């Protein structure tokens, strides 16, 4: 039976067979019976490679961080995660360079990852556990943005719209126009606009 650790663009957890292309971490979220019982334990929400230096892990082991899984990088960004600085070092550097172009060089003495995580945390989840969203014209959004239109969750990619699912993407037969509900946090859209483009599942290629 699949664990309830597959994450959708809203940041919600699901028990589905599909694992996706990236793993993520928000701390220890599960109990001794491998049930998810909290949304996060810290602000350092990262996405990791599925394999790294032949390390092996038992999924949802007692006392170990909860392994989360995402369809692709666009999905992980929509849920509020950023690249891991260890196992995805090159991608992390690309991301932080674009972040600095978008948001400027910080004046705080805090390390840059902490400042990024603090900014993202305010944009990805409220104190009551809800996901902040905002309205924008779909025509104004950069590639890699995930948004909601009616009951559909859609990816904007290569100026086309793709219906999101845990199995992958399907082309939207009737593209949405005008205002939509954006799921990707605003600070990340600013990064996308600086030339950092999320990687997407092959089904949208």
Protein backbone atom coordinates (compact mmCIF):
# COMPACT_ATOMS: atom_id res chain seq x y z
CA UNK A 1 0.00 0.00 0.00
CA UNK A 2 1.31 3.46 -0.90
CA UNK A 3 2.33 5.81 1.89
CA UNK A 4 0.52 9.13 2.28
CA UNK A 5 3.64 11.05 1.26
CA UNK A 6 2.97 12.08 -2.35
CA UNK A 7 2.63 15.87 -2.55
CA UNK A 8 0.41 17.82 -4.95
CA UNK A 9 0.96 21.45 -6.05
CA UNK A 10 -1.19 22.66 -3.14
CA UNK A 11 1.26 21.04 -0.74
CA UNK A 12 -1.26 18.39 0.37
CA UNK A 13 -0.37 14.74 1.01
CA UNK A 14 -1.87 11.77 -0.84
CA UNK A 15 -1.51 7.98 -0.82
CA UNK A 16 -1.05 7.08 -4.48
CA UNK A 17 1.29 4.58 -6.18
CA UNK A 18 3.12 7.14 -8.33
CA UNK A 19 6.38 8.28 -6.77
CA UNK A 20 7.43 11.01 -9.20
CA UNK A 21 10.92 12.28 -10.02
CA UNK A 22 12.00 14.11 -6.83
CA UNK A 23 12.05 13.48 -3.09
CA UNK A 24 11.51 16.16 -0.45
CA UNK A 25 11.93 16.87 3.23
CA UNK A 26 10.05 18.98 5.80
CA UNK A 27 11.20 17.07 8.89
CA UNK A 28 9.55 14.20 10.80
CA UNK A 29 5.86 14.32 9.86
CA UNK A 30 4.76 10.72 10.55
CA UNK A 31 3.99 8.71 13.67
CA UNK A 32 4.99 5.16 14.62
CA UNK A 33 2.25 3.78 12.37
CA UNK A 34 3.57 5.75 9.37
CA UNK A 35 0.64 8.14 9.37
CA UNK A 36 1.21 11.78 8.43
CA UNK A 37 0.23 13.86 11.47
CA UNK A 38 1.62 17.33 10.70
CA UNK A 39 2.37 19.51 7.67
CA UNK A 40 5.98 20.36 8.59
CA UNK A 41 8.49 20.51 11.43
CA UNK A 42 10.80 23.26 10.17
CA UNK A 43 11.04 25.93 7.47
CA UNK A 44 13.78 24.21 5.47
CA UNK A 45 11.57 22.62 2.80
CA UNK A 46 13.87 21.11 0.17
CA UNK A 47 13.70 18.80 -2.83
CA UNK A 48 16.27 16.07 -3.27
CA UNK A 49 17.40 13.54 -5.83
CA UNK A 50 15.85 10.09 -5.65
CA UNK A 51 19.35 8.60 -5.46
CA UNK A 52 22.52 10.11 -4.01
CA UNK A 53 25.88 8.47 -3.27
CA UNK A 54 24.26 5.02 -2.99
CA UNK A 55 22.53 6.04 0.25
CA UNK A 56 19.69 3.72 1.25
CA UNK A 57 16.73 4.65 3.42
CA UNK A 58 13.74 2.84 4.84
CA UNK A 59 10.78 5.05 3.97
CA UNK A 60 9.09 6.59 7.02
CA UNK A 61 11.46 4.91 9.49
CA UNK A 62 10.78 5.75 13.17
CA UNK A 63 12.50 8.95 14.24
CA UNK A 64 13.74 9.78 10.72
CA UNK A 65 12.52 12.54 8.45
CA UNK A 66 9.51 11.80 6.29
CA UNK A 67 10.39 11.19 2.65
CA UNK A 68 8.03 13.19 0.42
CA UNK A 69 7.69 12.69 -3.33
CA UNK A 70 6.84 15.06 -6.18
CA UNK A 71 5.91 14.59 -9.81
CA UNK A 72 8.57 17.12 -10.85
CA UNK A 73 10.34 20.31 -9.90
CA UNK A 74 7.46 22.55 -11.00
CA UNK A 75 5.19 20.66 -8.59
CA UNK A 76 7.70 20.93 -5.75
CA UNK A 77 8.08 24.67 -6.29
CA UNK A 78 4.30 25.11 -6.30
CA UNK A 79 4.18 23.30 -2.96
CA UNK A 80 6.82 25.71 -1.63
CA UNK A 81 10.01 23.63 -1.76
CA UNK A 82 13.45 24.68 -3.05
CA UNK A 83 16.47 22.65 -4.26
CA UNK A 84 18.61 20.88 -1.67
CA UNK A 85 22.08 22.43 -1.27
CA UNK A 86 23.74 19.03 -0.82
CA UNK A 87 22.42 16.45 -3.27
CA UNK A 88 21.33 19.06 -5.86
CA UNK A 89 24.21 21.46 -5.36
CA UNK A 90 24.47 22.76 -8.93
CA UNK A 91 20.73 23.31 -9.17
CA UNK A 92 20.74 25.04 -5.78
CA UNK A 93 23.42 27.46 -6.99
CA UNK A 94 21.41 28.26 -10.12
CA UNK A 95 18.38 28.88 -7.94
CA UNK A 96 20.15 31.14 -5.42
CA UNK A 97 21.79 33.18 -8.20
CA UNK A 98 18.34 33.81 -9.71
CA UNK A 99 16.92 34.50 -6.24
CA UNK A 100 19.50 37.23 -5.66
CA UNK A 101 18.73 38.78 -9.04
CA UNK A 102 15.02 38.76 -8.21
CA UNK A 103 15.12 39.82 -4.56
CA UNK A 104 18.45 41.60 -4.18
CA UNK A 105 21.45 40.93 -1.98
CA UNK A 106 20.28 40.65 1.64
CA UNK A 107 21.65 42.97 4.30
CA UNK A 108 20.88 40.55 7.13
CA UNK A 109 23.81 38.61 8.64
CA UNK A 110 21.72 35.43 8.53
CA UNK A 111 22.83 32.77 6.02
CA UNK A 112 21.12 33.05 2.64
CA UNK A 113 19.34 29.65 2.90
CA UNK A 114 17.67 30.76 6.15
CA UNK A 115 16.54 34.03 4.58
CA UNK A 116 15.15 32.21 1.54
CA UNK A 117 13.34 29.67 3.70
CA UNK A 118 11.87 32.39 5.92
CA UNK A 119 10.57 34.31 2.89
CA UNK A 120 9.19 31.18 1.26
CA UNK A 121 7.56 29.96 4.44
CA UNK A 122 5.42 33.08 4.73
CA UNK A 123 4.30 32.56 1.12
CA UNK A 124 3.61 28.83 1.20
CA UNK A 125 1.63 28.22 4.39
CA UNK A 126 -0.33 30.29 6.88
CA UNK A 127 -0.28 29.92 10.66
CA UNK A 128 -3.56 28.04 10.38
CA UNK A 129 -2.03 25.61 7.88
CA UNK A 130 -3.67 26.94 4.73
CA UNK A 131 -1.88 27.59 1.45
CA UNK A 132 -1.75 31.27 0.44
CA UNK A 133 -2.89 31.83 -3.15
CA UNK A 134 -3.42 34.93 -5.26
CA UNK A 135 -5.15 35.95 -8.45
CA UNK A 136 -3.28 36.94 -11.62
CA UNK A 137 -3.90 37.03 -15.35
CA UNK A 138 -2.64 33.79 -16.83
CA UNK A 139 -1.09 35.74 -19.70
CA UNK A 140 1.26 37.46 -17.20
CA UNK A 141 2.67 34.27 -15.65
CA UNK A 142 6.10 32.78 -16.46
CA UNK A 143 6.71 29.24 -17.65
CA UNK A 144 6.75 26.74 -14.81
CA UNK A 145 3.87 28.35 -12.92
CA UNK A 146 1.13 26.06 -11.62
CA UNK A 147 -2.34 27.50 -11.14
CA UNK A 148 -5.94 26.45 -10.57
CA UNK A 149 -8.80 27.13 -12.95
CA UNK A 150 -12.10 25.73 -11.75
CA UNK A 151 -11.52 22.14 -10.69
CA UNK A 152 -8.35 21.80 -12.79
CA UNK A 153 -4.76 22.27 -11.66
CA UNK A 154 -2.70 23.43 -14.63
CA UNK A 155 0.93 23.98 -15.54
CA UNK A 156 2.00 26.78 -17.83
CA UNK A 157 4.81 25.42 -19.97
CA UNK A 158 6.19 26.51 -23.33
CA UNK A 159 3.25 28.98 -23.45
CA UNK A 160 0.84 26.05 -23.38
CA UNK A 161 -1.38 24.82 -20.57
CA UNK A 162 -1.17 21.30 -19.19
CA UNK A 163 -3.52 19.52 -16.79
CA UNK A 164 -1.60 18.26 -13.76
CA UNK A 165 -1.99 14.77 -12.24
CA UNK A 166 0.17 12.33 -10.29
CA UNK A 167 0.55 10.38 -13.54
CA UNK A 168 1.88 13.39 -15.45
CA UNK A 169 0.48 16.10 -17.68
CA UNK A 170 -2.14 16.23 -20.41
CA UNK A 171 -2.56 19.11 -22.82
CA UNK A 172 -5.46 21.40 -21.89
CA UNK A 173 -7.81 21.30 -24.91
CA UNK A 174 -9.36 24.69 -24.16
CA UNK A 175 -6.75 27.06 -22.67
CA UNK A 176 -7.83 29.28 -19.80
CA UNK A 177 -7.61 33.06 -20.25
CA UNK A 178 -7.78 35.96 -17.83
CA UNK A 179 -7.59 35.73 -14.03
CA UNK A 180 -6.59 32.42 -12.41
CA UNK A 181 -5.70 31.25 -8.90
CA UNK A 182 -1.92 30.92 -8.72
CA UNK A 183 -0.50 28.11 -6.57
CA UNK A 184 3.22 28.74 -7.09
CA UNK A 185 4.34 31.17 -4.33
CA UNK A 186 4.95 34.74 -5.46
CA UNK A 187 8.64 34.86 -4.40
CA UNK A 188 9.31 31.92 -6.72
CA UNK A 189 7.54 33.52 -9.68
CA UNK A 190 10.01 36.39 -9.35
CA UNK A 191 12.83 33.83 -9.58
CA UNK A 192 11.29 32.25 -12.70
CA UNK A 193 11.13 35.68 -14.29
CA UNK A 194 14.90 35.97 -13.83
CA UNK A 195 15.54 33.08 -16.19
CA UNK A 196 15.40 30.16 -13.75
CA UNK A 197 13.01 27.69 -15.36
CA UNK A 198 11.65 24.72 -13.36
CA UNK A 199 12.20 21.26 -14.75
CA UNK A 200 9.00 19.45 -15.69
CA UNK A 201 7.87 15.87 -16.13
CA UNK A 202 8.56 14.45 -19.61
CA UNK A 203 4.81 14.20 -20.27
CA UNK A 204 4.75 17.98 -20.81
CA UNK A 205 7.50 17.85 -23.40
